[in-house]
N, C-alpha and C. Protein backbone atom coordinates (compact mmCIF):
# COMPACT_ATOMS: atom_id res chain seq x y z
N MET A 1 0.86 -1.17 0.00
CA MET A 1 0.00 0.00 0.00
C MET A 1 0.90 1.23 0.00
N GLN A 2 0.57 2.16 -0.86
CA GLN A 2 1.34 3.39 -0.97
C GLN A 2 0.62 4.52 -0.22
N PHE A 3 1.38 5.47 0.30
CA PHE A 3 0.83 6.62 1.00
C PHE A 3 1.21 7.89 0.26
N VAL A 4 0.26 8.81 0.16
CA VAL A 4 0.53 10.14 -0.38
C VAL A 4 -0.14 11.16 0.52
N THR A 5 0.39 12.37 0.52
CA THR A 5 -0.22 13.43 1.32
C THR A 5 -1.36 14.06 0.53
N VAL A 6 -2.18 14.83 1.20
CA VAL A 6 -3.28 15.52 0.53
C VAL A 6 -2.71 16.44 -0.55
N HIS A 7 -1.63 17.12 -0.25
CA HIS A 7 -1.01 18.02 -1.23
C HIS A 7 -0.57 17.24 -2.48
N GLU A 8 0.10 16.10 -2.29
CA GLU A 8 0.52 15.29 -3.42
C GLU A 8 -0.70 14.80 -4.23
N ALA A 9 -1.76 14.41 -3.53
CA ALA A 9 -2.95 13.92 -4.20
C ALA A 9 -3.57 15.02 -5.06
N LYS A 10 -3.62 16.25 -4.54
CA LYS A 10 -4.20 17.34 -5.31
C LYS A 10 -3.32 17.69 -6.51
N THR A 11 -2.01 17.62 -6.33
CA THR A 11 -1.08 18.00 -7.39
C THR A 11 -1.00 16.94 -8.49
N HIS A 12 -1.09 15.66 -8.13
CA HIS A 12 -0.88 14.57 -9.08
C HIS A 12 -2.09 13.64 -9.19
N LEU A 13 -3.29 14.19 -9.12
CA LEU A 13 -4.50 13.38 -9.07
C LEU A 13 -4.62 12.44 -10.27
N SER A 14 -4.40 12.92 -11.47
CA SER A 14 -4.53 12.06 -12.66
C SER A 14 -3.58 10.88 -12.60
N GLU A 15 -2.35 11.13 -12.20
CA GLU A 15 -1.35 10.07 -12.09
C GLU A 15 -1.75 9.05 -11.01
N ILE A 16 -2.26 9.53 -9.89
CA ILE A 16 -2.68 8.65 -8.80
C ILE A 16 -3.86 7.79 -9.24
N ILE A 17 -4.81 8.38 -9.95
CA ILE A 17 -5.95 7.61 -10.45
C ILE A 17 -5.48 6.52 -11.40
N ALA A 18 -4.55 6.83 -12.28
CA ALA A 18 -4.02 5.84 -13.22
C ALA A 18 -3.36 4.69 -12.46
N ARG A 19 -2.63 5.00 -11.40
CA ARG A 19 -1.98 3.95 -10.60
C ARG A 19 -3.02 3.05 -9.94
N VAL A 20 -4.08 3.66 -9.42
CA VAL A 20 -5.14 2.88 -8.78
C VAL A 20 -5.82 1.98 -9.81
N GLU A 21 -6.06 2.50 -11.01
CA GLU A 21 -6.69 1.71 -12.07
C GLU A 21 -5.83 0.51 -12.45
N ARG A 22 -4.51 0.64 -12.29
CA ARG A 22 -3.61 -0.48 -12.59
C ARG A 22 -3.55 -1.48 -11.44
N GLY A 23 -4.26 -1.21 -10.36
CA GLY A 23 -4.34 -2.19 -9.28
C GLY A 23 -3.70 -1.79 -7.97
N GLU A 24 -3.03 -0.65 -7.91
CA GLU A 24 -2.43 -0.22 -6.65
C GLU A 24 -3.51 0.26 -5.69
N GLU A 25 -3.23 0.14 -4.42
CA GLU A 25 -4.10 0.69 -3.39
C GLU A 25 -3.33 1.85 -2.76
N ILE A 26 -3.92 3.02 -2.77
CA ILE A 26 -3.22 4.21 -2.29
C ILE A 26 -4.02 4.84 -1.15
N THR A 27 -3.31 5.21 -0.09
CA THR A 27 -3.93 5.86 1.05
C THR A 27 -3.48 7.30 1.09
N ILE A 28 -4.43 8.21 1.26
CA ILE A 28 -4.12 9.63 1.38
C ILE A 28 -4.07 9.97 2.87
N LYS A 29 -2.99 10.66 3.24
CA LYS A 29 -2.80 11.02 4.64
C LYS A 29 -2.90 12.52 4.82
N ARG A 30 -3.50 12.92 5.92
CA ARG A 30 -3.50 14.33 6.33
C ARG A 30 -2.53 14.38 7.51
N GLY A 31 -1.39 14.98 7.25
CA GLY A 31 -0.33 14.93 8.26
C GLY A 31 0.16 13.50 8.37
N ARG A 32 0.08 12.94 9.58
CA ARG A 32 0.50 11.55 9.77
C ARG A 32 -0.68 10.59 9.78
N ASP A 33 -1.89 11.13 9.76
CA ASP A 33 -3.07 10.30 9.88
C ASP A 33 -3.64 9.91 8.52
N PRO A 34 -3.81 8.60 8.26
CA PRO A 34 -4.48 8.19 7.03
C PRO A 34 -5.96 8.55 7.09
N VAL A 35 -6.47 9.14 6.00
CA VAL A 35 -7.87 9.58 6.00
C VAL A 35 -8.70 8.95 4.88
N VAL A 36 -8.07 8.58 3.76
CA VAL A 36 -8.82 8.04 2.63
C VAL A 36 -7.99 6.93 1.99
N ARG A 37 -8.70 5.82 1.63
CA ARG A 37 -8.04 4.74 0.89
C ARG A 37 -8.67 4.67 -0.49
N LEU A 38 -7.84 4.73 -1.52
CA LEU A 38 -8.33 4.68 -2.90
C LEU A 38 -8.13 3.27 -3.45
N ILE A 39 -9.21 2.68 -3.94
CA ILE A 39 -9.15 1.39 -4.60
C ILE A 39 -9.97 1.49 -5.88
N ALA A 40 -9.62 0.67 -6.85
CA ALA A 40 -10.33 0.71 -8.13
C ALA A 40 -11.68 0.02 -8.01
N ILE A 41 -12.66 0.53 -8.72
CA ILE A 41 -13.95 -0.13 -8.84
C ILE A 41 -13.77 -1.19 -9.92
N LYS A 42 -14.01 -2.42 -9.56
CA LYS A 42 -13.75 -3.52 -10.50
C LYS A 42 -14.59 -3.40 -11.75
N ASP A 43 -13.94 -3.67 -12.87
CA ASP A 43 -14.53 -3.75 -14.21
C ASP A 43 -15.02 -2.43 -14.79
N ARG A 44 -15.55 -1.54 -13.97
CA ARG A 44 -16.04 -0.25 -14.47
C ARG A 44 -16.98 -0.41 -15.65
N GLY A 45 -17.71 -1.52 -15.69
CA GLY A 45 -18.67 -1.71 -16.77
C GLY A 45 -18.06 -2.12 -18.08
N ARG A 46 -16.80 -2.47 -18.08
CA ARG A 46 -16.16 -2.90 -19.33
C ARG A 46 -16.68 -4.26 -19.72
N ARG A 47 -16.81 -4.48 -21.01
CA ARG A 47 -17.26 -5.77 -21.52
C ARG A 47 -16.05 -6.68 -21.63
N ARG A 48 -16.23 -7.90 -21.16
CA ARG A 48 -15.16 -8.90 -21.25
C ARG A 48 -15.68 -10.08 -22.05
N PRO A 49 -15.07 -10.36 -23.20
CA PRO A 49 -15.51 -11.50 -24.00
C PRO A 49 -15.44 -12.79 -23.18
N GLY A 50 -16.49 -13.58 -23.26
CA GLY A 50 -16.52 -14.85 -22.56
C GLY A 50 -16.91 -14.77 -21.10
N ALA A 51 -17.26 -13.59 -20.59
CA ALA A 51 -17.58 -13.44 -19.17
C ALA A 51 -18.79 -14.27 -18.76
N LEU A 52 -19.72 -14.52 -19.67
CA LEU A 52 -20.92 -15.28 -19.33
C LEU A 52 -20.90 -16.70 -19.90
N LYS A 53 -19.73 -17.15 -20.34
CA LYS A 53 -19.63 -18.48 -20.93
C LYS A 53 -20.12 -19.53 -19.93
N GLY A 54 -21.01 -20.39 -20.39
CA GLY A 54 -21.54 -21.45 -19.56
C GLY A 54 -22.69 -21.03 -18.67
N GLN A 55 -23.04 -19.75 -18.65
CA GLN A 55 -24.12 -19.26 -17.81
C GLN A 55 -25.42 -19.04 -18.59
N ILE A 56 -25.32 -18.98 -19.90
CA ILE A 56 -26.49 -18.76 -20.73
C ILE A 56 -26.71 -20.00 -21.59
N VAL A 57 -27.91 -20.52 -21.56
CA VAL A 57 -28.23 -21.71 -22.35
C VAL A 57 -29.33 -21.33 -23.34
N ILE A 58 -29.08 -21.59 -24.61
CA ILE A 58 -30.09 -21.34 -25.64
C ILE A 58 -30.67 -22.69 -26.03
N LYS A 59 -31.95 -22.83 -25.79
CA LYS A 59 -32.62 -24.11 -26.03
C LYS A 59 -32.79 -24.35 -27.53
N PRO A 60 -32.77 -25.64 -27.92
CA PRO A 60 -33.02 -25.96 -29.33
C PRO A 60 -34.37 -25.40 -29.76
N GLY A 61 -34.43 -24.86 -30.94
CA GLY A 61 -35.67 -24.31 -31.46
C GLY A 61 -35.91 -22.85 -31.09
N ALA A 62 -34.99 -22.27 -30.35
CA ALA A 62 -35.18 -20.88 -29.91
C ALA A 62 -35.26 -19.91 -31.09
N PHE A 63 -34.62 -20.25 -32.19
CA PHE A 63 -34.61 -19.35 -33.34
C PHE A 63 -35.46 -19.85 -34.49
N ASP A 64 -36.30 -20.83 -34.20
CA ASP A 64 -37.23 -21.32 -35.23
C ASP A 64 -38.24 -20.21 -35.57
N PRO A 65 -38.77 -20.23 -36.78
CA PRO A 65 -39.78 -19.23 -37.15
C PRO A 65 -41.00 -19.33 -36.24
N LEU A 66 -41.69 -18.22 -36.05
CA LEU A 66 -42.90 -18.20 -35.24
C LEU A 66 -44.04 -18.90 -35.97
N THR A 67 -44.91 -19.51 -35.19
CA THR A 67 -46.12 -20.08 -35.78
C THR A 67 -47.05 -18.93 -36.14
N PRO A 68 -48.04 -19.16 -37.00
CA PRO A 68 -48.98 -18.08 -37.34
C PRO A 68 -49.67 -17.49 -36.09
N ASP A 69 -50.00 -18.33 -35.11
CA ASP A 69 -50.64 -17.83 -33.88
C ASP A 69 -49.69 -16.91 -33.10
N GLN A 70 -48.42 -17.31 -32.99
CA GLN A 70 -47.43 -16.50 -32.28
C GLN A 70 -47.22 -15.17 -33.01
N GLN A 71 -47.13 -15.24 -34.33
CA GLN A 71 -46.94 -14.02 -35.13
C GLN A 71 -48.11 -13.06 -34.93
N ALA A 72 -49.30 -13.60 -34.87
CA ALA A 72 -50.49 -12.75 -34.66
C ALA A 72 -50.43 -12.05 -33.31
N LEU A 73 -49.94 -12.75 -32.29
CA LEU A 73 -49.81 -12.12 -30.97
C LEU A 73 -48.83 -10.95 -31.00
N TRP A 74 -47.72 -11.11 -31.74
CA TRP A 74 -46.74 -10.03 -31.84
C TRP A 74 -47.30 -8.83 -32.60
N GLU A 75 -48.11 -9.09 -33.57
CA GLU A 75 -48.64 -8.02 -34.42
C GLU A 75 -49.91 -7.41 -33.87
N LYS A 76 -50.44 -8.00 -32.81
CA LYS A 76 -51.70 -7.53 -32.23
C LYS A 76 -51.51 -6.12 -31.69
N LYS A 77 -52.46 -5.24 -32.02
CA LYS A 77 -52.44 -3.86 -31.53
C LYS A 77 -53.57 -3.69 -30.53
N ASP A 78 -53.27 -3.00 -29.44
CA ASP A 78 -54.29 -2.76 -28.42
C ASP A 78 -55.08 -1.52 -28.68
């Protein structure tokens, strides 16, 4: 864990954020007292190929054409 002062954090905020995004954990100290711990929010909503592999099952026939009755339900207007 790395420590920086409030002054260093204000002066080098972009650099500190980049370090945290790379996985470092940084604590900001006011004087000698630690006051804030910075950690990355995992994934940040990024898409990862294969993240749902094995969790989604598509049943046989899922992409078969609709029957006339099913099609009528989709086209029905209220």
